[in-house]
N, C-alpha and C. Protein backbone atom coordinates (compact mmCIF):
# COMPACT_ATOMS: atom_id res chain seq x y z
N UNK A 1 102.72 -46.39 -4.32
CA UNK A 1 102.69 -46.14 -2.90
C UNK A 1 101.26 -45.80 -2.48
N UNK A 2 100.83 -46.39 -1.40
CA UNK A 2 99.47 -46.20 -0.92
C UNK A 2 99.33 -44.85 -0.21
N UNK A 3 98.15 -44.30 -0.33
CA UNK A 3 97.81 -43.08 0.39
C UNK A 3 96.92 -43.44 1.56
N UNK A 4 96.70 -42.48 2.43
CA UNK A 4 95.78 -42.72 3.55
C UNK A 4 94.38 -43.03 3.03
N UNK A 5 93.99 -42.41 1.94
CA UNK A 5 92.68 -42.71 1.35
C UNK A 5 92.61 -44.16 0.88
N UNK A 6 93.71 -44.67 0.34
CA UNK A 6 93.75 -46.07 -0.07
C UNK A 6 93.57 -46.99 1.14
N UNK A 7 94.22 -46.64 2.24
CA UNK A 7 94.09 -47.45 3.45
C UNK A 7 92.67 -47.40 4.00
N UNK A 8 92.07 -46.23 3.98
CA UNK A 8 90.68 -46.08 4.46
C UNK A 8 89.74 -46.89 3.57
N UNK A 9 89.94 -46.81 2.26
CA UNK A 9 89.11 -47.58 1.33
C UNK A 9 89.31 -49.08 1.53
N UNK A 10 90.56 -49.50 1.73
CA UNK A 10 90.85 -50.91 1.96
C UNK A 10 90.21 -51.41 3.24
N UNK A 11 90.25 -50.59 4.28
CA UNK A 11 89.62 -50.95 5.55
C UNK A 11 88.13 -51.10 5.38
N UNK A 12 87.52 -50.17 4.65
CA UNK A 12 86.08 -50.25 4.41
C UNK A 12 85.71 -51.51 3.64
N UNK A 13 86.51 -51.85 2.64
CA UNK A 13 86.24 -53.06 1.86
C UNK A 13 86.41 -54.31 2.71
N UNK A 14 87.47 -54.34 3.53
CA UNK A 14 87.69 -55.49 4.41
C UNK A 14 86.57 -55.60 5.43
N UNK A 15 86.13 -54.48 5.97
CA UNK A 15 85.03 -54.49 6.94
C UNK A 15 83.74 -54.98 6.34
N UNK A 16 83.44 -54.55 5.12
CA UNK A 16 82.23 -55.01 4.44
C UNK A 16 82.30 -56.50 4.16
N UNK A 17 83.47 -56.98 3.75
CA UNK A 17 83.64 -58.42 3.50
C UNK A 17 83.48 -59.22 4.78
N UNK A 18 84.03 -58.71 5.88
CA UNK A 18 83.91 -59.40 7.17
C UNK A 18 82.46 -59.47 7.61
N UNK A 19 81.76 -58.37 7.49
CA UNK A 19 80.34 -58.33 7.88
C UNK A 19 79.53 -59.31 7.05
N UNK A 20 79.75 -59.32 5.74
CA UNK A 20 79.02 -60.24 4.85
C UNK A 20 79.34 -61.69 5.19
N UNK A 21 80.61 -61.99 5.46
CA UNK A 21 81.00 -63.36 5.79
C UNK A 21 80.39 -63.80 7.11
N UNK A 22 80.37 -62.92 8.10
CA UNK A 22 79.79 -63.26 9.40
C UNK A 22 78.29 -63.53 9.26
N UNK A 23 77.61 -62.70 8.49
CA UNK A 23 76.18 -62.90 8.30
C UNK A 23 75.89 -64.17 7.51
N UNK A 24 76.74 -64.50 6.53
CA UNK A 24 76.58 -65.74 5.78
C UNK A 24 76.82 -66.95 6.68
N UNK A 25 77.81 -66.86 7.56
CA UNK A 25 78.10 -67.93 8.52
C UNK A 25 76.89 -68.18 9.42
N UNK A 26 76.30 -67.12 9.94
CA UNK A 26 75.14 -67.28 10.82
C UNK A 26 73.95 -67.86 10.06
N UNK A 27 73.73 -67.42 8.84
CA UNK A 27 72.64 -67.97 8.03
C UNK A 27 72.87 -69.45 7.74
N UNK A 28 74.11 -69.82 7.47
CA UNK A 28 74.43 -71.23 7.22
C UNK A 28 74.24 -72.06 8.49
N UNK A 29 74.59 -71.49 9.64
CA UNK A 29 74.39 -72.19 10.91
C UNK A 29 72.91 -72.47 11.12
N UNK A 30 72.07 -71.47 10.89
CA UNK A 30 70.61 -71.65 11.04
C UNK A 30 70.12 -72.75 10.12
N UNK A 31 70.53 -72.71 8.86
CA UNK A 31 70.07 -73.69 7.88
C UNK A 31 70.52 -75.11 8.25
N UNK A 32 71.80 -75.27 8.59
CA UNK A 32 72.30 -76.59 8.93
C UNK A 32 71.66 -77.11 10.22
N UNK A 33 71.49 -76.25 11.19
CA UNK A 33 70.85 -76.67 12.44
C UNK A 33 69.41 -77.11 12.18
N UNK A 34 68.71 -76.40 11.33
CA UNK A 34 67.34 -76.77 10.99
C UNK A 34 67.30 -78.14 10.31
N UNK A 35 68.21 -78.37 9.38
CA UNK A 35 68.26 -79.67 8.71
C UNK A 35 68.64 -80.78 9.68
N UNK A 36 69.59 -80.51 10.58
CA UNK A 36 69.95 -81.51 11.59
C UNK A 36 68.72 -81.91 12.40
N UNK A 37 67.94 -80.91 12.83
CA UNK A 37 66.74 -81.20 13.62
C UNK A 37 65.71 -81.95 12.80
N UNK A 38 65.53 -81.55 11.55
CA UNK A 38 64.52 -82.20 10.70
C UNK A 38 64.88 -83.65 10.43
N UNK A 39 66.12 -83.90 10.07
CA UNK A 39 66.54 -85.27 9.76
C UNK A 39 66.53 -86.14 11.02
N UNK A 40 66.78 -85.52 12.16
CA UNK A 40 66.75 -86.26 13.41
C UNK A 40 65.37 -86.39 14.03
N UNK A 41 64.35 -85.85 13.37
CA UNK A 41 62.98 -85.92 13.89
C UNK A 41 62.55 -87.38 14.00
N UNK A 42 61.96 -87.73 15.12
CA UNK A 42 61.58 -89.12 15.39
C UNK A 42 60.60 -89.68 14.37
N UNK A 43 59.83 -88.82 13.71
CA UNK A 43 58.83 -89.29 12.76
C UNK A 43 59.46 -89.94 11.53
N UNK A 44 60.64 -89.51 11.15
CA UNK A 44 61.29 -90.10 9.98
C UNK A 44 62.80 -90.07 10.08
N UNK A 45 63.31 -90.25 11.27
CA UNK A 45 64.76 -90.24 11.48
C UNK A 45 65.42 -91.40 10.74
N UNK A 46 66.57 -91.12 10.22
CA UNK A 46 67.36 -92.13 9.50
C UNK A 46 68.61 -92.46 10.31
N UNK A 47 68.44 -92.71 11.56
CA UNK A 47 69.58 -92.96 12.43
C UNK A 47 69.93 -91.69 13.19
N UNK A 48 70.89 -91.82 14.06
CA UNK A 48 71.27 -90.67 14.90
C UNK A 48 71.91 -89.58 14.06
N UNK A 49 71.44 -88.37 14.25
CA UNK A 49 71.99 -87.22 13.55
C UNK A 49 72.66 -86.31 14.56
N UNK A 50 73.92 -86.09 14.36
CA UNK A 50 74.64 -85.18 15.24
C UNK A 50 74.44 -83.75 14.76
N UNK A 51 74.40 -82.85 15.69
CA UNK A 51 74.26 -81.44 15.34
C UNK A 51 75.09 -80.59 16.27
N UNK A 52 74.80 -79.33 16.24
CA UNK A 52 75.55 -78.39 17.07
C UNK A 52 75.19 -78.54 18.54
N UNK A 53 76.19 -78.40 19.37
CA UNK A 53 75.98 -78.40 20.81
C UNK A 53 76.10 -77.00 21.40
N UNK A 54 76.47 -76.05 20.57
CA UNK A 54 76.66 -74.67 21.03
C UNK A 54 76.16 -73.71 19.96
N UNK A 55 75.93 -72.48 20.40
CA UNK A 55 75.59 -71.42 19.47
C UNK A 55 76.84 -70.95 18.75
N UNK A 56 76.70 -70.42 17.53
CA UNK A 56 77.88 -69.93 16.83
C UNK A 56 78.44 -68.68 17.51
N UNK A 57 79.72 -68.47 17.32
CA UNK A 57 80.38 -67.30 17.89
C UNK A 57 80.88 -66.43 16.75
N UNK A 58 80.54 -65.16 16.83
CA UNK A 58 81.00 -64.18 15.85
C UNK A 58 81.65 -63.03 16.62
N UNK A 59 82.83 -62.65 16.21
CA UNK A 59 83.50 -61.53 16.86
C UNK A 59 82.97 -60.22 16.27
N UNK A 60 82.43 -59.40 17.13
CA UNK A 60 81.86 -58.13 16.70
C UNK A 60 82.97 -57.11 16.44
N UNK A 61 82.65 -56.12 15.61
CA UNK A 61 83.57 -55.03 15.31
C UNK A 61 82.77 -53.74 15.44
N UNK A 62 83.30 -52.75 16.14
CA UNK A 62 82.50 -51.55 16.40
C UNK A 62 82.09 -50.78 15.16
N UNK A 63 82.85 -50.90 14.09
CA UNK A 63 82.52 -50.14 12.88
C UNK A 63 81.76 -50.96 11.84
N UNK A 64 82.00 -52.26 11.81
CA UNK A 64 81.48 -53.05 10.69
C UNK A 64 80.51 -54.16 11.08
N UNK A 65 80.57 -54.61 12.28
CA UNK A 65 79.66 -55.68 12.70
C UNK A 65 79.36 -55.47 14.18
N UNK A 66 78.20 -54.93 14.43
CA UNK A 66 77.82 -54.64 15.80
C UNK A 66 76.35 -54.99 15.97
N UNK A 67 75.92 -55.02 17.18
CA UNK A 67 74.53 -55.37 17.45
C UNK A 67 74.48 -56.71 18.15
N UNK A 68 73.36 -57.35 18.03
CA UNK A 68 73.14 -58.62 18.71
C UNK A 68 73.10 -59.74 17.69
N UNK A 69 74.02 -60.66 17.83
CA UNK A 69 74.05 -61.84 16.97
C UNK A 69 74.02 -63.06 17.86
N UNK A 70 73.22 -64.01 17.48
CA UNK A 70 73.18 -65.25 18.24
C UNK A 70 72.03 -65.27 19.22
N UNK A 71 72.18 -66.14 20.19
CA UNK A 71 71.16 -66.27 21.21
C UNK A 71 69.85 -66.80 20.67
N UNK A 72 68.79 -66.34 21.28
CA UNK A 72 67.47 -66.89 20.96
C UNK A 72 67.03 -66.58 19.54
N UNK A 73 67.49 -65.49 18.96
CA UNK A 73 67.08 -65.17 17.59
C UNK A 73 67.53 -66.25 16.61
N UNK A 74 68.75 -66.74 16.75
CA UNK A 74 69.22 -67.82 15.87
C UNK A 74 68.48 -69.12 16.12
N UNK A 75 68.26 -69.43 17.38
CA UNK A 75 67.53 -70.65 17.73
C UNK A 75 66.10 -70.57 17.20
N UNK A 76 65.46 -69.42 17.36
CA UNK A 76 64.10 -69.24 16.85
C UNK A 76 64.05 -69.39 15.34
N UNK A 77 65.05 -68.82 14.65
CA UNK A 77 65.10 -68.94 13.19
C UNK A 77 65.29 -70.39 12.77
N UNK A 78 66.17 -71.11 13.46
CA UNK A 78 66.40 -72.52 13.14
C UNK A 78 65.15 -73.34 13.41
N UNK A 79 64.47 -73.07 14.50
CA UNK A 79 63.24 -73.80 14.80
C UNK A 79 62.16 -73.54 13.76
N UNK A 80 62.02 -72.30 13.34
CA UNK A 80 61.02 -71.97 12.31
C UNK A 80 61.36 -72.66 10.99
N UNK A 81 62.63 -72.68 10.63
CA UNK A 81 63.06 -73.35 9.40
C UNK A 81 62.84 -74.86 9.52
N UNK A 82 63.10 -75.42 10.69
CA UNK A 82 62.87 -76.83 10.94
C UNK A 82 61.41 -77.17 10.71
N UNK A 83 60.51 -76.37 11.24
CA UNK A 83 59.07 -76.61 11.06
C UNK A 83 58.73 -76.59 9.58
N UNK A 84 59.26 -75.62 8.86
CA UNK A 84 59.00 -75.54 7.42
C UNK A 84 59.53 -76.78 6.69
N UNK A 85 60.70 -77.24 7.07
CA UNK A 85 61.27 -78.44 6.44
C UNK A 85 60.42 -79.67 6.72
N UNK A 86 59.98 -79.82 7.97
CA UNK A 86 59.15 -80.96 8.34
C UNK A 86 57.84 -80.94 7.55
N UNK A 87 57.24 -79.78 7.42
CA UNK A 87 55.98 -79.66 6.68
C UNK A 87 56.15 -79.93 5.19
N UNK A 88 57.36 -79.75 4.69
CA UNK A 88 57.59 -79.96 3.25
C UNK A 88 57.76 -81.42 2.87
N UNK A 89 57.92 -82.29 3.87
CA UNK A 89 58.15 -83.72 3.59
C UNK A 89 56.80 -84.37 3.26
N UNK A 90 56.82 -85.11 2.16
CA UNK A 90 55.58 -85.79 1.76
C UNK A 90 55.71 -87.29 1.87
C-alpha cells in the first residue's frame, strides 16, 4: 500500500521526467528546424524541403516546468545552428 510519501516521490519523479522530455523536445525542434533550413538553403538545396510552419507548444507546469519556452529564443537558436551547419559544408 502506498503512503503519502510514495505519492509525493512519484509526483516528483513524474515531474522531472516531464521537464526532461519537454526540454528534449524543444532541443530536437531546434536541431530539426536548423537542418530543414540548411538543406533548403538555395546554395545547395536538393529539392524542396518542408519544415515547421509553427513554433513548438509545450504545456507548462507550475512546479516542474515554468518560465519562458519558445518564441524568439528557439528561432534564434535554430538560426545559429543553421549558420553553423552551413559553415560546416565543404
